[in-house]
C-alpha atoms as a PDB file:
ATOM      1  CA  MET A   1     -14.289   6.131 -22.734  1.00  0.00           C
ATOM      2  CA  GLU A   2     -12.815   8.312 -19.779  1.00  0.00           C
ATOM      3  CA  PHE A   3     -12.772   7.404 -16.254  1.00  0.00           C
ATOM      4  CA  ARG A   4     -10.616   7.987 -13.185  1.00  0.00           C
ATOM      5  CA  LEU A   5      -9.801   5.810 -10.065  1.00  0.00           C
ATOM      6  CA  GLN A   6     -12.718   6.038  -7.511  1.00  0.00           C
ATOM      7  CA  HIS A   7     -10.704   5.668  -4.429  1.00  0.00           C
ATOM      8  CA  THR A   8      -7.054   5.989  -3.384  1.00  0.00           C
ATOM      9  CA  PRO A   9      -5.269   2.808  -3.789  1.00  0.00           C
ATOM     10  CA  LEU A  10      -4.822   1.275  -0.442  1.00  0.00           C
ATOM     11  CA  LEU A  11      -1.179   1.286   0.060  1.00  0.00           C
ATOM     12  CA  SER A  12      -1.143   4.814  -1.523  1.00  0.00           C
ATOM     13  CA  ARG A  13      -2.942   6.111   1.467  1.00  0.00           C
ATOM     14  CA  VAL A  14      -1.087   8.931   3.763  1.00  0.00           C
ATOM     15  CA  GLY A  15      -1.959   9.225   7.521  1.00  0.00           C
ATOM     16  CA  ALA A  16       1.686   9.947   9.009  1.00  0.00           C
ATOM     17  CA  ASP A  17       3.857  12.805   8.689  1.00  0.00           C
ATOM     18  CA  ARG A  18       7.162  11.523   6.987  1.00  0.00           C
ATOM     19  CA  SER A  19       9.120  14.181   8.648  1.00  0.00           C
ATOM     20  CA  ASP A  20      12.007  13.688   6.172  1.00  0.00           C
ATOM     21  CA  GLN A  21      13.721  16.676   7.817  1.00  0.00           C
ATOM     22  CA  LEU A  22      14.682  14.393  11.080  1.00  0.00           C
ATOM     23  CA  ARG A  23      16.475  11.953   8.597  1.00  0.00           C
ATOM     24  CA  THR A  24      19.447  14.379   8.783  1.00  0.00           C
ATOM     25  CA  ASP A  25      18.834  15.742  12.382  1.00  0.00           C
ATOM     26  CA  VAL A  26      20.489  12.777  13.938  1.00  0.00           C
ATOM     27  CA  ASP A  27      20.435  14.571  17.400  1.00  0.00           C
ATOM     28  CA  ALA A  28      16.599  15.122  17.053  1.00  0.00           C
ATOM     29  CA  ALA A  29      15.842  11.741  15.766  1.00  0.00           C
ATOM     30  CA  VAL A  30      17.618  10.067  18.552  1.00  0.00           C
ATOM     31  CA  ALA A  31      16.165  12.370  21.154  1.00  0.00           C
ATOM     32  CA  GLY A  32      12.648  11.209  20.135  1.00  0.00           C
ATOM     33  CA  TRP A  33      13.554   7.482  20.578  1.00  0.00           C
ATOM     34  CA  ALA A  34      12.739   7.722  24.470  1.00  0.00           C
ATOM     35  CA  GLN A  35       9.089   8.098  23.611  1.00  0.00           C
ATOM     36  CA  ALA A  36       8.796   6.659  20.157  1.00  0.00           C
ATOM     37  CA  ALA A  37       6.730   3.854  18.645  1.00  0.00           C
ATOM     38  CA  LEU A  38       8.267   0.651  17.202  1.00  0.00           C
ATOM     39  CA  LEU A  39       6.994  -1.343  14.710  1.00  0.00           C
ATOM     40  CA  ARG A  40       8.110  -5.090  13.999  1.00  0.00           C
ATOM     41  CA  ILE A  41       7.854  -6.525  10.495  1.00  0.00           C
ATOM     42  CA  ASP A  42       8.981 -10.224  10.333  1.00  0.00           C
ATOM     43  CA  GLY A  43      10.726 -11.807   7.735  1.00  0.00           C
ATOM     44  CA  ARG A  44       7.533 -12.962   5.743  1.00  0.00           C
ATOM     45  CA  ASN A  45       6.462  -8.991   5.784  1.00  0.00           C
ATOM     46  CA  GLN A  46       3.806  -9.650   8.292  1.00  0.00           C
ATOM     47  CA  VAL A  47       2.802  -7.305  11.152  1.00  0.00           C
ATOM     48  CA  LEU A  48       0.289  -7.407  14.176  1.00  0.00           C
ATOM     49  CA  VAL A  49      -2.862  -5.771  13.611  1.00  0.00           C
ATOM     50  CA  THR A  50      -5.675  -4.963  16.184  1.00  0.00           C
ATOM     51  CA  ASP A  51      -9.267  -5.445  15.465  1.00  0.00           C
ATOM     52  CA  GLY A  52      -9.883  -1.919  14.210  1.00  0.00           C
ATOM     53  CA  GLY A  53      -7.268  -2.209  11.442  1.00  0.00           C
ATOM     54  CA  ARG A  54      -4.436  -0.312  13.682  1.00  0.00           C
ATOM     55  CA  VAL A  55      -0.832  -1.792  13.389  1.00  0.00           C
ATOM     56  CA  VAL A  56       0.608  -2.898  16.919  1.00  0.00           C
ATOM     57  CA  VAL A  57       3.424  -0.724  17.963  1.00  0.00           C
ATOM     58  CA  GLN A  58       5.522  -1.008  21.004  1.00  0.00           C
ATOM     59  CA  ARG A  59       7.982   1.057  23.193  1.00  0.00           C
ATOM     60  CA  ALA A  60      10.793   1.664  21.409  1.00  0.00           C
ATOM     61  CA  ALA A  61      12.714   2.214  24.576  1.00  0.00           C
ATOM     62  CA  ASP A  62      12.013  -1.168  25.458  1.00  0.00           C
ATOM     63  CA  LEU A  63      14.239  -2.528  22.891  1.00  0.00           C
ATOM     64  CA  ALA A  64      17.426  -0.209  23.268  1.00  0.00           C
ATOM     65  CA  ASP A  65      18.465   3.017  24.738  1.00  0.00           C
ATOM     66  CA  ALA A  66      19.089   4.270  21.403  1.00  0.00           C
ATOM     67  CA  PRO A  67      18.211   3.236  17.543  1.00  0.00           C
ATOM     68  CA  PRO A  68      20.117   0.182  16.674  1.00  0.00           C
ATOM     69  CA  ARG A  69      21.647  -0.365  13.306  1.00  0.00           C
ATOM     70  CA  ASN A  70      18.951  -1.959  11.743  1.00  0.00           C
ATOM     71  CA  ALA A  71      16.067   0.413  12.593  1.00  0.00           C
ATOM     72  CA  VAL A  72      14.371   2.718  10.107  1.00  0.00           C
ATOM     73  CA  PHE A  73      12.692   6.032  10.836  1.00  0.00           C
ATOM     74  CA  LEU A  74       9.134   6.108   9.247  1.00  0.00           C
ATOM     75  CA  GLY A  75       8.139   9.325  10.409  1.00  0.00           C
ATOM     76  CA  ARG A  76       5.767  10.921  13.208  1.00  0.00           C
ATOM     77  CA  ILE A  77       2.291   9.971  14.289  1.00  0.00           C
ATOM     78  CA  ASP A  78      -0.165  11.161  17.163  1.00  0.00           C
ATOM     79  CA  GLY A  79       0.897  14.757  17.314  1.00  0.00           C
ATOM     80  CA  GLY A  80       4.721  14.231  16.965  1.00  0.00           C
ATOM     81  CA  ARG A  81       5.466  10.593  18.299  1.00  0.00           C
ATOM     82  CA  HIS A  82       8.377   9.255  16.490  1.00  0.00           C
ATOM     83  CA  VAL A  83       7.979   5.886  14.810  1.00  0.00           C
ATOM     84  CA  TRP A  84      10.667   3.344  13.647  1.00  0.00           C
ATOM     85  CA  ALA A  85      10.535  -0.019  12.271  1.00  0.00           C
ATOM     86  CA  ILE A  86      12.886  -3.164  12.675  1.00  0.00           C
ATOM     87  CA  ARG A  87      12.977  -6.671  11.203  1.00  0.00           C
ATOM     88  CA  ASP A  88      12.190  -9.086  13.775  1.00  0.00           C
ATOM     89  CA  ARG A  89      10.046 -11.783  15.058  1.00  0.00           C
ATOM     90  CA  LEU A  90       6.368 -10.435  16.257  1.00  0.00           C
ATOM     91  CA  ALA A  91       5.242 -10.769  19.509  1.00  0.00           C
ATOM     92  CA  ALA A  92       2.557 -13.108  20.282  1.00  0.00           C
ATOM     93  CA  PRO A  93      -0.814 -11.822  19.657  1.00  0.00           C
ATOM     94  CA  ASP A  94      -2.130 -12.158  23.071  1.00  0.00           C
ATOM     95  CA  GLU A  95       1.050 -10.154  24.321  1.00  0.00           C
ATOM     96  CA  ALA A  96       0.033  -7.042  22.285  1.00  0.00           C
ATOM     97  CA  GLY A  97      -2.138  -5.800  25.048  1.00  0.00           C
ATOM     98  CA  GLU A  98      -5.327  -5.815  23.099  1.00  0.00           C
ATOM     99  CA  PRO A  99      -6.966  -8.017  20.672  1.00  0.00           C
ATOM    100  CA  ALA A 100      -4.748  -8.668  17.595  1.00  0.00           C
ATOM    101  CA  THR A 101      -3.897 -10.949  14.564  1.00  0.00           C
ATOM    102  CA  VAL A 102      -1.028 -11.469  12.488  1.00  0.00           C
ATOM    103  CA  LEU A 103      -1.504  -9.827   9.202  1.00  0.00           C
ATOM    104  CA  ASP A 104       0.263 -10.681   5.779  1.00  0.00           C
ATOM    105  CA  LEU A 105       0.374  -7.186   3.930  1.00  0.00           C
ATOM    106  CA  ARG A 106      -0.341  -8.962   0.371  1.00  0.00           C
ATOM    107  CA  ARG A 107      -3.704 -10.650   1.540  1.00  0.00           C
ATOM    108  CA  GLY A 108      -4.828  -8.450   4.328  1.00  0.00           C
ATOM    109  CA  GLY A 109      -4.000  -4.919   3.793  1.00  0.00           C
ATOM    110  CA  HIS A 110      -7.421  -3.809   3.034  1.00  0.00           C
ATOM    111  CA  HIS A 111      -7.894  -4.272   6.817  1.00  0.00           C
ATOM    112  CA  LEU A 112      -5.473  -1.397   7.914  1.00  0.00           C
ATOM    113  CA  ASP A 113      -6.475   2.040   8.624  1.00  0.00           C
ATOM    114  CA  ASP A 114      -4.606   4.999   6.704  1.00  0.00           C
ATOM    115  CA  VAL A 115      -1.659   5.642   9.426  1.00  0.00           C
ATOM    116  CA  SER A 116      -1.099   1.769   9.637  1.00  0.00           C
ATOM    117  CA  ALA A 117      -0.895   1.347   5.483  1.00  0.00           C
ATOM    118  CA  GLN A 118       1.619   4.115   5.292  1.00  0.00           C
ATOM    119  CA  LEU A 119       3.773   2.900   7.876  1.00  0.00           C
ATOM    120  CA  VAL A 120       3.665  -0.729   7.020  1.00  0.00           C
ATOM    121  CA  ALA A 121       4.485   0.111   3.337  1.00  0.00           C
ATOM    122  CA  SER A 122       7.004   2.114   3.893  1.00  0.00           C
ATOM    123  CA  ALA A 123       8.698   0.062   6.562  1.00  0.00           C
ATOM    124  CA  VAL A 124       8.396  -3.227   4.426  1.00  0.00           C
ATOM    125  CA  ALA A 125       9.953  -1.407   1.132  1.00  0.00           C
ATOM    126  CA  LEU A 126      12.870   0.122   3.296  1.00  0.00           C
ATOM    127  CA  LEU A 127      13.824  -2.896   5.136  1.00  0.00           C
ATOM    128  CA  ASN A 128      13.709  -5.100   2.088  1.00  0.00           C
ATOM    129  CA  TRP A 129      15.967  -2.633   0.305  1.00  0.00           C
ATOM    130  CA  HIS A 130      18.415  -2.778   3.125  1.00  0.00           C
ATOM    131  CA  GLU A 131      18.632  -6.457   3.047  1.00  0.00           C
ATOM    132  CA  ARG A 132      19.716  -6.430  -1.002  1.00  0.00           C
ATOM    133  CA  ALA A 133      21.908  -3.307  -0.536  1.00  0.00           C
ATOM    134  CA  GLN A 134      24.521  -4.371   1.876  1.00  0.00           C
ATOM    135  CA  PHE A 135      27.451  -4.098  -0.569  1.00  0.00           C
ATOM    136  CA  SER A 136      28.158  -0.978  -3.017  1.00  0.00           C
ATOM    137  CA  ALA A 137      27.171  -1.647  -6.349  1.00  0.00           C
ATOM    138  CA  VAL A 138      30.471  -0.025  -7.481  1.00  0.00           C
ATOM    139  CA  ASP A 139      33.134  -1.528  -5.701  1.00  0.00           C
ATOM    140  CA  GLY A 140      31.659  -4.102  -3.718  1.00  0.00           C
ATOM    141  CA  THR A 141      32.745  -2.431  -0.322  1.00  0.00           C
ATOM    142  CA  PRO A 142      30.247  -3.268   2.682  1.00  0.00           C
ATOM    143  CA  THR A 143      27.931  -0.116   3.173  1.00  0.00           C
ATOM    144  CA  ARG A 144      26.447   1.042   6.405  1.00  0.00           C
ATOM    145  CA  ALA A 145      23.105   2.346   7.251  1.00  0.00           C
ATOM    146  CA  THR A 146      22.484   6.327   7.385  1.00  0.00           C
ATOM    147  CA  ARG A 147      19.999   8.881   7.303  1.00  0.00           C
ATOM    148  CA  ALA A 148      17.788   7.171   9.899  1.00  0.00           C
ATOM    149  CA  GLY A 149      17.351   4.038   7.424  1.00  0.00           C
ATOM    150  CA  TRP A 150      16.743   6.294   4.489  1.00  0.00           C
ATOM    151  CA  ALA A 151      20.423   5.936   2.704  1.00  0.00           C
ATOM    152  CA  ARG A 152      23.165   3.336   2.614  1.00  0.00           C
ATOM    153  CA  VAL A 153      26.994   5.289   2.449  1.00  0.00           C
ATOM    154  CA  ASN A 154      30.057   3.335   1.215  1.00  0.00           C
ATOM    155  CA  PRO A 155      32.633   4.066   4.208  1.00  0.00           C
ATOM    156  CA  LEU A 156      35.700   4.012   1.985  1.00  0.00           C
ATOM    157  CA  THR A 157      34.213   6.739  -0.641  1.00  0.00           C
ATOM    158  CA  GLY A 158      31.827   8.322   0.886  1.00  0.00           C
ATOM    159  CA  ASP A 159      29.093   7.638  -1.534  1.00  0.00           C
ATOM    160  CA  GLU A 160      25.431   7.301  -0.669  1.00  0.00           C
ATOM    161  CA  GLU A 161      22.816   4.961  -2.235  1.00  0.00           C
ATOM    162  CA  PHE A 162      19.254   5.508  -1.916  1.00  0.00           C
ATOM    163  CA  PRO A 163      16.286   3.376  -1.723  1.00  0.00           C
ATOM    164  CA  ARG A 164      15.828   1.651  -5.292  1.00  0.00           C
ATOM    165  CA  ILE A 165      12.422   1.613  -6.435  1.00  0.00           C
ATOM    166  CA  ASP A 166      11.325  -0.357  -9.616  1.00  0.00           C
ATOM    167  CA  PRO A 167       8.851   1.080 -11.605  1.00  0.00           C
ATOM    168  CA  ALA A 168       6.031  -1.258 -13.423  1.00  0.00           C
ATOM    169  CA  VAL A 169       3.113  -0.644 -15.382  1.00  0.00           C
ATOM    170  CA  ILE A 170      -0.280  -2.168 -14.763  1.00  0.00           C
ATOM    171  CA  CYS A 171      -2.966  -1.501 -17.636  1.00  0.00           C
ATOM    172  CA  LEU A 172      -6.511  -2.103 -18.248  1.00  0.00           C
ATOM    173  CA  VAL A 173      -7.083  -2.687 -22.022  1.00  0.00           C
ATOM    174  CA  HIS A 174     -10.647  -2.201 -23.071  1.00  0.00           C
ATOM    175  CA  ASP A 175     -12.801  -1.806 -26.328  1.00  0.00           C
ATOM    176  CA  ASP A 176     -13.733   1.838 -25.467  1.00  0.00           C
ATOM    177  CA  ALA A 177     -17.349   0.260 -25.099  1.00  0.00           C
ATOM    178  CA  GLY A 178     -18.564  -2.497 -22.516  1.00  0.00           C
ATOM    179  CA  ARG A 179     -15.560  -5.132 -22.659  1.00  0.00           C
ATOM    180  CA  ALA A 180     -11.920  -5.487 -21.124  1.00  0.00           C
ATOM    181  CA  VAL A 181      -9.342  -7.814 -21.492  1.00  0.00           C
ATOM    182  CA  LEU A 182      -8.340  -9.988 -18.490  1.00  0.00           C
ATOM    183  CA  ALA A 183      -5.296 -12.310 -18.385  1.00  0.00           C
ATOM    184  CA  ARG A 184      -3.879 -15.485 -16.529  1.00  0.00           C
ATOM    185  CA  GLN A 185      -0.285 -15.710 -15.778  1.00  0.00           C
ATOM    186  CA  ALA A 186       1.221 -19.345 -16.165  1.00  0.00           C
ATOM    187  CA  GLY A 187       1.907 -19.991 -12.656  1.00  0.00           C
ATOM    188  CA  TRP A 188      -1.531 -19.105 -11.562  1.00  0.00           C
ATOM    189  CA  PRO A 189      -4.375 -21.712 -10.694  1.00  0.00           C
ATOM    190  CA  PRO A 190      -7.441 -21.735 -13.191  1.00  0.00           C
ATOM    191  CA  ARG A 191      -9.953 -18.738 -12.807  1.00  0.00           C
ATOM    192  CA  LEU A 192      -7.369 -16.478 -11.473  1.00  0.00           C
ATOM    193  CA  PHE A 193      -7.288 -13.345 -13.842  1.00  0.00           C
ATOM    194  CA  SER A 194      -6.048 -10.100 -13.506  1.00  0.00           C
ATOM    195  CA  LEU A 195      -4.977  -6.588 -15.398  1.00  0.00           C
ATOM    196  CA  LEU A 196      -1.649  -6.822 -17.812  1.00  0.00           C
ATOM    197  CA  ALA A 197       1.774  -5.653 -16.015  1.00  0.00           C
ATOM    198  CA  GLY A 198       5.404  -5.268 -16.403  1.00  0.00           C
ATOM    199  CA  PHE A 199       8.549  -3.563 -15.464  1.00  0.00           C
ATOM    200  CA  VAL A 200       9.711  -0.410 -17.223  1.00  0.00           C
ATOM    201  CA  GLU A 201      12.561  -0.796 -19.370  1.00  0.00           C
ATOM    202  CA  ALA A 202      15.842   1.467 -19.402  1.00  0.00           C
ATOM    203  CA  GLY A 203      15.225   4.325 -21.739  1.00  0.00           C
ATOM    204  CA  GLU A 204      11.562   3.763 -21.941  1.00  0.00           C
ATOM    205  CA  SER A 205       8.709   5.977 -21.068  1.00  0.00           C
ATOM    206  CA  LEU A 206       5.794   4.531 -19.010  1.00  0.00           C
ATOM    207  CA  GLU A 207       3.453   5.177 -21.891  1.00  0.00           C
ATOM    208  CA  SER A 208       5.719   3.346 -24.316  1.00  0.00           C
ATOM    209  CA  CYS A 209       6.131   0.406 -21.924  1.00  0.00           C
ATOM    210  CA  VAL A 210       2.219   0.029 -21.788  1.00  0.00           C
ATOM    211  CA  VAL A 211       2.277  -0.416 -25.601  1.00  0.00           C
ATOM    212  CA  ARG A 212       5.443  -2.833 -25.755  1.00  0.00           C
ATOM    213  CA  GLU A 213       4.293  -5.101 -22.664  1.00  0.00           C
ATOM    214  CA  ILE A 214       0.722  -5.610 -24.128  1.00  0.00           C
ATOM    215  CA  ARG A 215       2.188  -6.361 -27.412  1.00  0.00           C
ATOM    216  CA  GLU A 216       4.891  -8.635 -26.227  1.00  0.00           C
ATOM    217  CA  GLU A 217       2.188 -10.396 -23.622  1.00  0.00           C
ATOM    218  CA  ILE A 218      -1.005 -10.975 -25.589  1.00  0.00           C
ATOM    219  CA  GLY A 219      -0.249  -9.759 -29.056  1.00  0.00           C
ATOM    220  CA  LEU A 220      -2.570  -6.667 -28.761  1.00  0.00           C
ATOM    221  CA  ARG A 221      -1.774  -3.198 -30.324  1.00  0.00           C
ATOM    222  CA  VAL A 222      -3.072  -0.540 -28.090  1.00  0.00           C
ATOM    223  CA  HIS A 223      -3.615   3.148 -28.546  1.00  0.00           C
ATOM    224  CA  ASP A 224      -5.234   6.142 -26.298  1.00  0.00           C
ATOM    225  CA  VAL A 225      -2.782   5.410 -23.338  1.00  0.00           C
ATOM    226  CA  ARG A 226      -4.139   7.158 -20.320  1.00  0.00           C
ATOM    227  CA  TYR A 227      -2.768   7.307 -16.759  1.00  0.00           C
ATOM    228  CA  LEU A 228      -4.645   6.645 -13.850  1.00  0.00           C
ATOM    229  CA  GLY A 229      -2.595   6.440 -10.891  1.00  0.00           C
ATOM    230  CA  SER A 230       0.087   4.724  -8.711  1.00  0.00           C
ATOM    231  CA  GLN A 231       0.645   2.581  -5.680  1.00  0.00           C
ATOM    232  CA  PRO A 232       3.965   1.353  -3.791  1.00  0.00           C
ATOM    233  CA  TRP A 233       4.212  -2.019  -4.100  1.00  0.00           C
ATOM    234  CA  PRO A 234       7.087  -3.318  -1.817  1.00  0.00           C
ATOM    235  CA  PHE A 235       7.427  -7.107  -2.807  1.00  0.00           C
ATOM    236  CA  PRO A 236      10.308  -6.159  -2.932  1.00  0.00           C
ATOM    237  CA  ARG A 237      10.447  -2.354  -3.896  1.00  0.00           C
ATOM    238  CA  SER A 238       8.068  -1.758  -7.131  1.00  0.00           C
ATOM    239  CA  LEU A 239       6.047   1.078  -7.830  1.00  0.00           C
ATOM    240  CA  MET A 240       2.975   0.113  -9.772  1.00  0.00           C
ATOM    241  CA  VAL A 241       1.727   2.708 -12.300  1.00  0.00           C
ATOM    242  CA  GLY A 242      -1.802   2.431 -13.486  1.00  0.00           C
ATOM    243  CA  PHE A 243      -3.007   2.981 -17.067  1.00  0.00           C
ATOM    244  CA  HIS A 244      -5.997   2.137 -19.432  1.00  0.00           C
ATOM    245  CA  ALA A 245      -5.674   1.706 -23.091  1.00  0.00           C
ATOM    246  CA  VAL A 246      -7.929   1.090 -26.052  1.00  0.00           C
ATOM    247  CA  ALA A 247      -7.762  -2.074 -28.361  1.00  0.00           C
ATOM    248  CA  ASP A 248      -9.505  -3.277 -31.351  1.00  0.00           C
ATOM    249  CA  PRO A 249     -11.197  -6.545 -29.991  1.00  0.00           C
ATOM    250  CA  GLY A 250     -10.923  -8.077 -33.564  1.00  0.00           C
ATOM    251  CA  GLN A 251      -7.199  -8.745 -33.018  1.00  0.00           C
ATOM    252  CA  GLU A 252      -5.786 -12.366 -32.318  1.00  0.00           C
ATOM    253  CA  PHE A 253      -4.273 -13.047 -29.025  1.00  0.00           C
ATOM    254  CA  VAL A 254      -0.835 -14.392 -29.328  1.00  0.00           C
ATOM    255  CA  PHE A 255       1.136 -15.386 -26.215  1.00  0.00           C
ATOM    256  CA  ALA A 256       4.663 -15.127 -27.521  1.00  0.00           C
ATOM    257  CA  ASP A 257       6.752 -14.798 -24.352  1.00  0.00           C
ATOM    258  CA  GLY A 258       5.269 -17.556 -22.350  1.00  0.00           C
ATOM    259  CA  GLU A 259       4.249 -15.338 -19.144  1.00  0.00           C
ATOM    260  CA  ILE A 260       0.493 -15.090 -20.088  1.00  0.00           C
ATOM    261  CA  VAL A 261      -1.180 -18.685 -20.820  1.00  0.00           C
ATOM    262  CA  GLU A 262      -4.806 -17.245 -21.204  1.00  0.00           C
ATOM    263  CA  ALA A 263      -6.421 -13.968 -21.821  1.00  0.00           C
ATOM    264  CA  ALA A 264     -10.144 -13.205 -22.948  1.00  0.00           C
ATOM    265  CA  TRP A 265     -12.287 -10.243 -23.548  1.00  0.00           C
ATOM    266  CA  PHE A 266     -15.090  -9.957 -20.561  1.00  0.00           C
ATOM    267  CA  THR A 267     -18.106  -7.875 -20.395  1.00  0.00           C
ATOM    268  CA  ARG A 268     -18.626  -5.428 -17.532  1.00  0.00           C
ATOM    269  CA  GLU A 269     -21.673  -7.293 -16.555  1.00  0.00           C
ATOM    270  CA  HIS A 270     -19.368 -10.450 -16.141  1.00  0.00           C
ATOM    271  CA  ILE A 271     -16.670  -8.709 -14.373  1.00  0.00           C
ATOM    272  CA  ALA A 272     -19.200  -6.869 -11.921  1.00  0.00           C
ATOM    273  CA  ALA A 273     -20.326 -10.247 -10.910  1.00  0.00           C
ATOM    274  CA  ALA A 274     -16.765 -11.516 -10.210  1.00  0.00           C
ATOM    275  CA  LEU A 275     -16.307  -8.502  -8.220  1.00  0.00           C
ATOM    276  CA  ASP A 276     -19.509  -9.005  -6.138  1.00  0.00           C
ATOM    277  CA  ALA A 277     -18.279 -12.889  -5.646  1.00  0.00           C
ATOM    278  CA  GLY A 278     -14.917 -11.804  -3.570  1.00  0.00           C
ATOM    279  CA  ASP A 279     -11.590 -11.884  -4.783  1.00  0.00           C
ATOM    280  CA  TRP A 280      -9.021 -14.793  -5.315  1.00  0.00           C
ATOM    281  CA  SER A 281      -8.275 -15.514  -1.617  1.00  0.00           C
ATOM    282  CA  SER A 282     -12.012 -16.137  -1.080  1.00  0.00           C
ATOM    283  CA  ASN A 283     -13.798 -19.722  -1.466  1.00  0.00           C
ATOM    284  CA  SER A 284     -16.050 -18.362  -4.099  1.00  0.00           C
ATOM    285  CA  GLU A 285     -17.083 -20.414  -6.618  1.00  0.00           C
ATOM    286  CA  SER A 286     -17.248 -17.855  -9.196  1.00  0.00           C
ATOM    287  CA  PRO A 287     -15.925 -18.993 -12.668  1.00  0.00           C
ATOM    288  CA  LEU A 288     -13.698 -15.497 -12.575  1.00  0.00           C
ATOM    289  CA  LEU A 289     -11.781 -14.730  -9.716  1.00  0.00           C
ATOM    290  CA  LEU A 290     -10.199 -11.131  -9.433  1.00  0.00           C
ATOM    291  CA  PRO A 291      -7.440  -9.443  -7.502  1.00  0.00           C
ATOM    292  CA  ALA A 292      -7.651  -8.556  -3.982  1.00  0.00           C
ATOM    293  CA  SER A 293      -8.329  -4.827  -2.872  1.00  0.00           C
ATOM    294  CA  ILE A 294      -4.870  -4.378  -1.712  1.00  0.00           C
ATOM    295  CA  SER A 295      -3.606  -4.315  -5.415  1.00  0.00           C
ATOM    296  CA  ILE A 296      -4.169  -1.408  -7.601  1.00  0.00           C
ATOM    297  CA  ALA A 297      -5.452  -3.704 -10.179  1.00  0.00           C
ATOM    298  CA  ARG A 298      -8.750  -4.176  -8.080  1.00  0.00           C
ATOM    299  CA  GLU A 299      -9.224  -0.290  -7.881  1.00  0.00           C
ATOM    300  CA  ILE A 300      -8.574   0.230 -11.536  1.00  0.00           C
ATOM    301  CA  ILE A 301     -11.052  -2.718 -12.553  1.00  0.00           C
ATOM    302  CA  GLU A 302     -13.780  -1.562  -9.931  1.00  0.00           C
ATOM    303  CA  SER A 303     -13.518   2.134 -11.237  1.00  0.00           C
ATOM    304  CA  TRP A 304     -13.984   0.974 -14.767  1.00  0.00           C
ATOM    305  CA  VAL A 305     -17.139  -1.119 -14.178  1.00  0.00           C
ATOM    306  CA  ALA A 306     -18.508   1.664 -12.013  1.00  0.00           C
ATOM    307  CA  ALA A 307     -17.974   4.208 -14.941  1.00  0.00           C
ATOM    308  CA  GLY A 308     -20.059   2.153 -17.082  1.00  0.00           C
END
């Protein structure tokens, strides 16, 4: 069976100009600060969003006369306006200038428009990385931000470190007919199921990781591993790479590593009904609850169902 993703995963959408050339053109970046927009991300990776799905930004100049040390440059929007982000408390929704609500990226990312999705995903990933990379991994020297927040430099050696990304695979296992495997992790409540995923190890290809992870987690041997698409997952700094693969449903499930406690083969009709019922953040009484649309897992599952 061959299928493709129907839509671009939500956090992979592109709507802003990343303007990477401005990261090294300090004068140009600072010159744009006076008219720049400022995005605030709080300590729980939440933002303010309007009813129309646009992230709330404020005038950067109201914060300071120049970008502070903890600001990161996100690019340009609206014909050239610079956008920066900082970790800070959010303004009260009624101070946003228009109706707005607090949004958690994990739960409500599907409400964001394309520009806002790109800005928030980039800002969360960068700010999370800075908080975890304040000391050199080589000699422990405190580092400082450079390149408009896209690097950190060791002041003693001049060595630069760039944002770390942890690649992980996520795979829909199917029987090349009308059934697919869904699994439940140990810490999840009953009825909550998703695809199998895991981090790529050193010296390992993405495809090899798919085979190993599925074998380790549920005991199945898979073949015909095919790439589907990818999505940033900035919690704190992952890149989810999506695949599908084929397995013989006659194999026995084996839960060897303790991460997965339940798995089963579900028919396309059963999964389609669960998709119609909502997702695992809803109050649905469905016997099967699936991931929310912010995750590439949802897009993979929906695309597989549609392909049938």
